[in-house]
Amino acid sequence: MGTTPRSSSHHGPATAMLFFLLMLPFFLAPPTVAAGTVAEMLVNGSICIAAERDALLSFKAGIVSDPSGRLRSWREGQDCCRWYGVRWSARTGHVVKLDLRNRFYDDDTESPFPDEMGNLTMLETLDMGSNNIKGMIPSTLKNLCSLQIIDISSNNIGGDISDLIGRLPNCSWNNLQELHLDTANISGTVPKEIGTLRNLVEFYIGNNNLGGVISEDPFSRLMKLKVLDLSKTNLQVTVDWD
């Protein structure tokens, strides 16, 4: 009488373990970029994300004057992660820092802010201080939830500070820690919406045509605030900082 074959159940755990090990690299891939993507881009000779490169080229296209040639390296077909003033993340390939601060005070780089700047979705630092930037920042910046530092000081931004604050990152996890708006030719009074920037540590709005009252609310909500520059303004302070 024949016997019924039995399944080799002792192979089950080993097979499951092998499958897990084969799939492990996919589980460990960073959520913002597929595993191996940055490495593949390196092999192909480019890391720059197309939308971010286009945003930077749009900024350059609007420049009226760049006497020192700081943006000479910003060329079509070149890797934007190697451009002057651009820093990128080796983990994600995204641009995380744009540092175009003009340290040559007689060498203005005249330019407006293009709307495409909102495509730099992982930008953490935007330093455009001491340039001859004219006009309000684009409303698309409110989508840049990773921004920690914004410096547009010593520019000809103009307009009302309420409009400017309304164009800053508006996210439930707002990361903004430093906001430099001093000497930016802005006017008006500080709006209550400033209280939504709960991680703000340094806030500079000196040397502007600002008036009105700095009251307990909304500044009482800025629990991390350590530096507040109101010099050379007409603002009246009624907050008891003690």
C-alpha atoms as a PDB file:
ATOM      1  CA  MET A   1       0.000   0.000   0.000  1.00  0.00           C
ATOM      2  CA  GLY A   2       1.481   3.263  -1.076  1.00  0.00           C
ATOM      3  CA  THR A   3       2.043   6.170   1.222  1.00  0.00           C
ATOM      4  CA  THR A   4       0.883   9.725   0.593  1.00  0.00           C
ATOM      5  CA  PRO A   5       3.794  12.132   0.017  1.00  0.00           C
ATOM      6  CA  ARG A   6       4.175  14.780   2.723  1.00  0.00           C
ATOM      7  CA  SER A   7       5.185  18.337   1.974  1.00  0.00           C
ATOM      8  CA  SER A   8       8.673  19.382   3.010  1.00  0.00           C
ATOM      9  CA  SER A   9       7.442  21.935   5.545  1.00  0.00           C
ATOM     10  CA  HIS A  10      10.938  22.324   7.024  1.00  0.00           C
ATOM     11  CA  HIS A  11      11.928  24.419   3.965  1.00  0.00           C
ATOM     12  CA  GLY A  12       9.264  27.058   4.712  1.00  0.00           C
ATOM     13  CA  PRO A  13      11.151  29.302   7.211  1.00  0.00           C
ATOM     14  CA  ALA A  14      14.326  29.304   5.116  1.00  0.00           C
ATOM     15  CA  THR A  15      12.420  30.326   1.997  1.00  0.00           C
ATOM     16  CA  ALA A  16      10.637  33.115   3.861  1.00  0.00           C
ATOM     17  CA  MET A  17      13.936  34.428   5.245  1.00  0.00           C
ATOM     18  CA  LEU A  18      15.511  34.435   1.769  1.00  0.00           C
ATOM     19  CA  PHE A  19      12.548  36.383   0.371  1.00  0.00           C
ATOM     20  CA  PHE A  20      12.822  38.936   3.211  1.00  0.00           C
ATOM     21  CA  LEU A  21      16.533  39.487   2.586  1.00  0.00           C
ATOM     22  CA  LEU A  22      15.922  39.990  -1.136  1.00  0.00           C
ATOM     23  CA  MET A  23      13.223  42.590  -0.465  1.00  0.00           C
ATOM     24  CA  LEU A  24      15.057  44.412   2.360  1.00  0.00           C
ATOM     25  CA  PRO A  25      16.719  47.075   0.141  1.00  0.00           C
ATOM     26  CA  PHE A  26      13.288  48.182  -1.102  1.00  0.00           C
ATOM     27  CA  PHE A  27      11.961  48.528   2.452  1.00  0.00           C
ATOM     28  CA  LEU A  28      14.956  50.655   3.445  1.00  0.00           C
ATOM     29  CA  ALA A  29      14.766  53.046   0.481  1.00  0.00           C
ATOM     30  CA  PRO A  30      14.265  56.733   1.491  1.00  0.00           C
ATOM     31  CA  PRO A  31      10.633  57.771   1.064  1.00  0.00           C
ATOM     32  CA  THR A  32      11.466  60.785  -1.132  1.00  0.00           C
ATOM     33  CA  VAL A  33      13.488  58.944  -3.744  1.00  0.00           C
ATOM     34  CA  ALA A  34      13.582  55.366  -5.011  1.00  0.00           C
ATOM     35  CA  ALA A  35      16.485  53.174  -3.906  1.00  0.00           C
ATOM     36  CA  GLY A  36      19.449  53.613  -6.213  1.00  0.00           C
ATOM     37  CA  THR A  37      18.070  56.714  -7.960  1.00  0.00           C
ATOM     38  CA  VAL A  38      20.855  59.061  -6.823  1.00  0.00           C
ATOM     39  CA  ALA A  39      23.489  56.443  -7.663  1.00  0.00           C
ATOM     40  CA  GLU A  40      21.989  55.997 -11.145  1.00  0.00           C
ATOM     41  CA  MET A  41      21.995  59.756 -11.677  1.00  0.00           C
ATOM     42  CA  LEU A  42      25.644  59.872 -10.664  1.00  0.00           C
ATOM     43  CA  VAL A  43      26.506  57.202 -13.220  1.00  0.00           C
ATOM     44  CA  ASN A  44      24.690  59.217 -15.880  1.00  0.00           C
ATOM     45  CA  GLY A  45      26.748  62.285 -14.955  1.00  0.00           C
ATOM     46  CA  SER A  46      23.908  64.390 -13.540  1.00  0.00           C
ATOM     47  CA  ILE A  47      22.191  64.674 -10.191  1.00  0.00           C
ATOM     48  CA  CYS A  48      20.111  67.757 -10.825  1.00  0.00           C
ATOM     49  CA  ILE A  49      16.334  67.327 -10.678  1.00  0.00           C
ATOM     50  CA  ALA A  50      14.883  68.814 -13.867  1.00  0.00           C
ATOM     51  CA  ALA A  51      12.144  70.933 -12.241  1.00  0.00           C
ATOM     52  CA  GLU A  52      14.659  72.424  -9.802  1.00  0.00           C
ATOM     53  CA  ARG A  53      17.181  73.162 -12.549  1.00  0.00           C
ATOM     54  CA  ASP A  54      14.443  74.908 -14.554  1.00  0.00           C
ATOM     55  CA  ALA A  55      13.461  76.974 -11.497  1.00  0.00           C
ATOM     56  CA  LEU A  56      17.036  78.177 -11.061  1.00  0.00           C
ATOM     57  CA  LEU A  57      17.410  78.953 -14.760  1.00  0.00           C
ATOM     58  CA  SER A  58      14.175  80.983 -14.601  1.00  0.00           C
ATOM     59  CA  PHE A  59      15.720  83.005 -11.794  1.00  0.00           C
ATOM     60  CA  LYS A  60      18.865  83.604 -13.835  1.00  0.00           C
ATOM     61  CA  ALA A  61      16.829  84.576 -16.905  1.00  0.00           C
ATOM     62  CA  GLY A  62      15.286  87.460 -14.966  1.00  0.00           C
ATOM     63  CA  ILE A  63      18.611  88.895 -13.849  1.00  0.00           C
ATOM     64  CA  VAL A  64      19.302  92.335 -15.274  1.00  0.00           C
ATOM     65  CA  SER A  65      22.902  92.601 -14.097  1.00  0.00           C
ATOM     66  CA  ASP A  66      25.512  90.198 -12.709  1.00  0.00           C
ATOM     67  CA  PRO A  67      28.802  92.149 -12.930  1.00  0.00           C
ATOM     68  CA  SER A  68      30.890  89.635 -10.977  1.00  0.00           C
ATOM     69  CA  GLY A  69      29.656  86.708 -13.076  1.00  0.00           C
ATOM     70  CA  ARG A  70      28.661  84.694 -10.033  1.00  0.00           C
ATOM     71  CA  LEU A  71      26.078  82.813 -12.093  1.00  0.00           C
ATOM     72  CA  ARG A  72      28.435  82.049 -14.959  1.00  0.00           C
ATOM     73  CA  SER A  73      28.315  78.356 -14.058  1.00  0.00           C
ATOM     74  CA  TRP A  74      24.497  78.305 -14.322  1.00  0.00           C
ATOM     75  CA  ARG A  75      24.206  76.936 -17.854  1.00  0.00           C
ATOM     76  CA  GLU A  76      21.650  74.809 -19.672  1.00  0.00           C
ATOM     77  CA  GLY A  77      22.749  71.181 -19.869  1.00  0.00           C
ATOM     78  CA  GLN A  78      25.017  71.480 -16.813  1.00  0.00           C
ATOM     79  CA  ASP A  79      24.449  69.778 -13.459  1.00  0.00           C
ATOM     80  CA  CYS A  80      22.781  72.425 -11.267  1.00  0.00           C
ATOM     81  CA  CYS A  81      24.107  70.725  -8.127  1.00  0.00           C
ATOM     82  CA  ARG A  82      27.555  71.987  -9.152  1.00  0.00           C
ATOM     83  CA  TRP A  83      26.472  75.578  -9.717  1.00  0.00           C
ATOM     84  CA  TYR A  84      27.713  78.509  -7.659  1.00  0.00           C
ATOM     85  CA  GLY A  85      25.689  78.996  -4.474  1.00  0.00           C
ATOM     86  CA  VAL A  86      23.733  75.747  -4.828  1.00  0.00           C
ATOM     87  CA  ARG A  87      23.913  72.935  -2.270  1.00  0.00           C
ATOM     88  CA  TRP A  88      22.155  69.616  -2.658  1.00  0.00           C
ATOM     89  CA  SER A  89      21.357  66.532  -0.573  1.00  0.00           C
ATOM     90  CA  ALA A  90      23.376  63.437  -1.489  1.00  0.00           C
ATOM     91  CA  ARG A  91      20.534  61.338  -0.069  1.00  0.00           C
ATOM     92  CA  THR A  92      17.642  62.743  -2.112  1.00  0.00           C
ATOM     93  CA  GLY A  93      19.257  64.723  -4.930  1.00  0.00           C
ATOM     94  CA  HIS A  94      17.150  67.787  -4.034  1.00  0.00           C
ATOM     95  CA  VAL A  95      18.525  71.330  -3.782  1.00  0.00           C
ATOM     96  CA  VAL A  96      18.536  72.205  -0.059  1.00  0.00           C
ATOM     97  CA  LYS A  97      20.415  75.520   0.029  1.00  0.00           C
ATOM     98  CA  LEU A  98      20.597  78.563  -2.221  1.00  0.00           C
ATOM     99  CA  ASP A  99      23.235  81.034  -1.026  1.00  0.00           C
ATOM    100  CA  LEU A 100      23.558  84.042  -3.319  1.00  0.00           C
ATOM    101  CA  ARG A 101      24.309  86.622  -0.625  1.00  0.00           C
ATOM    102  CA  ASN A 102      26.146  89.504  -2.243  1.00  0.00           C
ATOM    103  CA  ARG A 103      29.307  90.108  -0.268  1.00  0.00           C
ATOM    104  CA  PHE A 104      30.434  92.719  -2.815  1.00  0.00           C
ATOM    105  CA  TYR A 105      28.215  95.609  -1.828  1.00  0.00           C
ATOM    106  CA  ASP A 106      28.757  97.683  -4.995  1.00  0.00           C
ATOM    107  CA  ASP A 107      28.045  94.697  -7.249  1.00  0.00           C
ATOM    108  CA  ASP A 108      24.272  94.410  -7.255  1.00  0.00           C
ATOM    109  CA  THR A 109      22.588  91.448  -8.891  1.00  0.00           C
ATOM    110  CA  GLU A 110      19.312  92.911 -10.118  1.00  0.00           C
ATOM    111  CA  SER A 111      16.515  90.384 -10.378  1.00  0.00           C
ATOM    112  CA  PRO A 112      12.914  89.669  -9.401  1.00  0.00           C
ATOM    113  CA  PHE A 113      11.859  86.406  -7.765  1.00  0.00           C
ATOM    114  CA  PRO A 114      10.280  84.023 -10.320  1.00  0.00           C
ATOM    115  CA  ASP A 115       7.247  81.913  -9.383  1.00  0.00           C
ATOM    116  CA  GLU A 116       9.258  78.810 -10.295  1.00  0.00           C
ATOM    117  CA  MET A 117      11.215  79.183  -7.043  1.00  0.00           C
ATOM    118  CA  GLY A 118       8.292  77.306  -5.515  1.00  0.00           C
ATOM    119  CA  ASN A 119       9.547  74.176  -7.298  1.00  0.00           C
ATOM    120  CA  LEU A 120      12.529  73.943  -4.926  1.00  0.00           C
ATOM    121  CA  THR A 121      10.351  71.819  -2.669  1.00  0.00           C
ATOM    122  CA  MET A 122      13.082  70.597  -0.298  1.00  0.00           C
ATOM    123  CA  LEU A 123      14.889  73.943   0.096  1.00  0.00           C
ATOM    124  CA  GLU A 124      16.033  74.546   3.690  1.00  0.00           C
ATOM    125  CA  THR A 125      18.024  77.790   3.336  1.00  0.00           C
ATOM    126  CA  LEU A 126      17.278  80.737   1.033  1.00  0.00           C
ATOM    127  CA  ASP A 127      19.888  83.490   1.403  1.00  0.00           C
ATOM    128  CA  MET A 128      19.476  86.349  -1.063  1.00  0.00           C
ATOM    129  CA  GLY A 129      20.680  89.108   1.253  1.00  0.00           C
ATOM    130  CA  SER A 130      22.381  92.302   0.032  1.00  0.00           C
ATOM    131  CA  ASN A 131      21.330  92.084  -3.603  1.00  0.00           C
ATOM    132  CA  ASN A 132      19.261  94.530  -5.620  1.00  0.00           C
ATOM    133  CA  ILE A 133      16.216  92.276  -5.758  1.00  0.00           C
ATOM    134  CA  LYS A 134      13.111  94.230  -6.689  1.00  0.00           C
ATOM    135  CA  GLY A 135       9.536  93.197  -6.042  1.00  0.00           C
ATOM    136  CA  MET A 136       7.636  90.907  -3.693  1.00  0.00           C
ATOM    137  CA  ILE A 137       8.573  87.268  -3.163  1.00  0.00           C
ATOM    138  CA  PRO A 138       6.246  84.874  -5.039  1.00  0.00           C
ATOM    139  CA  SER A 139       3.284  83.284  -3.264  1.00  0.00           C
ATOM    140  CA  THR A 140       4.617  79.882  -4.351  1.00  0.00           C
ATOM    141  CA  LEU A 141       7.131  80.069  -1.486  1.00  0.00           C
ATOM    142  CA  LYS A 142       4.328  79.193   0.935  1.00  0.00           C
ATOM    143  CA  ASN A 143       4.620  75.583  -0.282  1.00  0.00           C
ATOM    144  CA  LEU A 144       8.284  75.273   0.772  1.00  0.00           C
ATOM    145  CA  CYS A 145       7.631  73.578   4.105  1.00  0.00           C
ATOM    146  CA  SER A 146      11.280  72.575   4.638  1.00  0.00           C
ATOM    147  CA  LEU A 147      12.560  76.175   4.760  1.00  0.00           C
ATOM    148  CA  GLN A 148      14.433  76.925   7.991  1.00  0.00           C
ATOM    149  CA  ILE A 149      16.218  80.169   7.047  1.00  0.00           C
ATOM    150  CA  ILE A 150      15.005  83.010   4.807  1.00  0.00           C
ATOM    151  CA  ASP A 151      17.278  86.033   4.344  1.00  0.00           C
ATOM    152  CA  ILE A 152      16.086  88.677   1.885  1.00  0.00           C
ATOM    153  CA  SER A 153      17.528  91.591   3.864  1.00  0.00           C
ATOM    154  CA  SER A 154      19.097  94.658   2.219  1.00  0.00           C
ATOM    155  CA  ASN A 155      16.955  94.389  -0.912  1.00  0.00           C
ATOM    156  CA  ASN A 156      14.267  96.501  -2.539  1.00  0.00           C
ATOM    157  CA  ILE A 157      11.420  94.061  -1.826  1.00  0.00           C
ATOM    158  CA  GLY A 158       8.864  96.808  -1.156  1.00  0.00           C
ATOM    159  CA  GLY A 159       5.188  96.362  -0.381  1.00  0.00           C
ATOM    160  CA  ASP A 160       3.318  95.683   2.847  1.00  0.00           C
ATOM    161  CA  ILE A 161       4.764  93.340   5.458  1.00  0.00           C
ATOM    162  CA  SER A 162       1.341  91.671   5.845  1.00  0.00           C
ATOM    163  CA  ASP A 163       1.460  90.618   2.195  1.00  0.00           C
ATOM    164  CA  LEU A 164       5.020  89.381   2.612  1.00  0.00           C
ATOM    165  CA  ILE A 165       4.242  87.312   5.732  1.00  0.00           C
ATOM    166  CA  GLY A 166       1.262  85.828   3.877  1.00  0.00           C
ATOM    167  CA  ARG A 167       3.643  84.461   1.239  1.00  0.00           C
ATOM    168  CA  LEU A 168       5.860  82.605   3.715  1.00  0.00           C
ATOM    169  CA  PRO A 169       5.644  78.812   4.183  1.00  0.00           C
ATOM    170  CA  ASN A 170       2.161  77.939   5.436  1.00  0.00           C
ATOM    171  CA  CYS A 171       2.441  74.377   6.690  1.00  0.00           C
ATOM    172  CA  SER A 172       1.193  72.533   9.752  1.00  0.00           C
ATOM    173  CA  TRP A 173       4.807  71.557  10.500  1.00  0.00           C
ATOM    174  CA  ASN A 174       6.370  74.976   9.768  1.00  0.00           C
ATOM    175  CA  ASN A 175      10.153  74.712  10.228  1.00  0.00           C
ATOM    176  CA  LEU A 176      11.103  78.378   9.774  1.00  0.00           C
ATOM    177  CA  GLN A 177      13.679  79.381  12.414  1.00  0.00           C
ATOM    178  CA  GLU A 178      15.300  82.553  11.021  1.00  0.00           C
ATOM    179  CA  LEU A 179      13.573  85.360   9.118  1.00  0.00           C
ATOM    180  CA  HIS A 180      15.695  88.301   7.935  1.00  0.00           C
ATOM    181  CA  LEU A 181      13.586  91.133   6.479  1.00  0.00           C
ATOM    182  CA  ASP A 182      15.666  94.098   7.666  1.00  0.00           C
ATOM    183  CA  THR A 183      16.411  96.947   5.222  1.00  0.00           C
ATOM    184  CA  ALA A 184      13.993  95.550   2.649  1.00  0.00           C
ATOM    185  CA  ASN A 185      11.925  98.701   1.971  1.00  0.00           C
ATOM    186  CA  ILE A 186       8.759  97.177   3.445  1.00  0.00           C
ATOM    187  CA  SER A 187       6.007  99.086   5.250  1.00  0.00           C
ATOM    188  CA  GLY A 188       2.874  98.501   7.327  1.00  0.00           C
ATOM    189  CA  THR A 189       2.552  96.820  10.706  1.00  0.00           C
ATOM    190  CA  VAL A 190       3.451  93.306  11.809  1.00  0.00           C
ATOM    191  CA  PRO A 191       0.382  91.073  11.255  1.00  0.00           C
ATOM    192  CA  LYS A 192      -0.972  88.574  13.785  1.00  0.00           C
ATOM    193  CA  GLU A 193      -0.118  85.759  11.338  1.00  0.00           C
ATOM    194  CA  ILE A 194       3.494  86.018  12.514  1.00  0.00           C
ATOM    195  CA  GLY A 195       2.328  83.976  15.515  1.00  0.00           C
ATOM    196  CA  THR A 196       1.920  80.901  13.314  1.00  0.00           C
ATOM    197  CA  LEU A 197       5.711  80.667  12.885  1.00  0.00           C
ATOM    198  CA  ARG A 198       6.036  78.789  16.167  1.00  0.00           C
ATOM    199  CA  ASN A 199       9.619  77.595  15.581  1.00  0.00           C
ATOM    200  CA  LEU A 200      10.923  81.107  14.893  1.00  0.00           C
ATOM    201  CA  VAL A 201      14.132  81.825  16.842  1.00  0.00           C
ATOM    202  CA  GLU A 202      15.436  84.993  15.124  1.00  0.00           C
ATOM    203  CA  PHE A 203      13.289  87.744  13.542  1.00  0.00           C
ATOM    204  CA  TYR A 204      14.872  90.824  11.948  1.00  0.00           C
ATOM    205  CA  ILE A 205      12.656  93.648  10.612  1.00  0.00           C
ATOM    206  CA  GLY A 206      14.772  96.698  11.488  1.00  0.00           C
ATOM    207  CA  ASN A 207      15.367  99.696   9.209  1.00  0.00           C
ATOM    208  CA  ASN A 208      11.974  99.532   7.479  1.00  0.00           C
ATOM    209  CA  ASN A 209       9.017 101.926   7.298  1.00  0.00           C
ATOM    210  CA  LEU A 210       7.011  99.965   9.861  1.00  0.00           C
ATOM    211  CA  GLY A 211       4.545 101.369  12.395  1.00  0.00           C
ATOM    212  CA  GLY A 212       1.815 100.252  14.745  1.00  0.00           C
ATOM    213  CA  VAL A 213       1.984  98.230  17.946  1.00  0.00           C
ATOM    214  CA  ILE A 214       3.885  95.053  18.836  1.00  0.00           C
ATOM    215  CA  SER A 215       1.421  93.465  21.278  1.00  0.00           C
ATOM    216  CA  GLU A 216       1.369  90.390  23.510  1.00  0.00           C
ATOM    217  CA  ASP A 217      -0.589  88.499  20.906  1.00  0.00           C
ATOM    218  CA  PRO A 218       0.754  87.120  18.573  1.00  0.00           C
ATOM    219  CA  PHE A 219       4.298  87.310  19.969  1.00  0.00           C
ATOM    220  CA  SER A 220       3.352  85.346  23.086  1.00  0.00           C
ATOM    221  CA  ARG A 221       2.968  82.321  20.805  1.00  0.00           C
ATOM    222  CA  LEU A 222       6.577  82.540  19.620  1.00  0.00           C
ATOM    223  CA  MET A 223       7.921  80.529  22.539  1.00  0.00           C
ATOM    224  CA  LYS A 224      11.325  79.882  20.905  1.00  0.00           C
ATOM    225  CA  LEU A 225      12.022  83.499  19.892  1.00  0.00           C
ATOM    226  CA  LYS A 226      15.415  84.711  21.151  1.00  0.00           C
ATOM    227  CA  VAL A 227      16.304  87.597  18.808  1.00  0.00           C
ATOM    228  CA  LEU A 228      13.903  90.368  17.716  1.00  0.00           C
ATOM    229  CA  ASP A 229      15.342  93.343  15.826  1.00  0.00           C
ATOM    230  CA  LEU A 230      12.956  96.325  15.593  1.00  0.00           C
ATOM    231  CA  SER A 231      15.647  99.007  15.303  1.00  0.00           C
ATOM    232  CA  LYS A 232      15.032 102.062  13.085  1.00  0.00           C
ATOM    233  CA  THR A 233      11.275 101.499  12.840  1.00  0.00           C
ATOM    234  CA  ASN A 234       8.255 103.329  14.291  1.00  0.00           C
ATOM    235  CA  LEU A 235       6.913 100.232  16.004  1.00  0.00           C
ATOM    236  CA  GLN A 236       5.638 100.598  19.583  1.00  0.00           C
ATOM    237  CA  VAL A 237       6.294  97.661  21.875  1.00  0.00           C
ATOM    238  CA  THR A 238       3.724  96.796  24.555  1.00  0.00           C
ATOM    239  CA  VAL A 239       4.957  93.271  25.269  1.00  0.00           C
ATOM    240  CA  ASP A 240       6.237  92.458  28.754  1.00  0.00           C
ATOM    241  CA  TRP A 241       9.229  90.333  27.759  1.00  0.00           C
ATOM    242  CA  ASP A 242       9.858  89.369  31.391  1.00  0.00           C
END
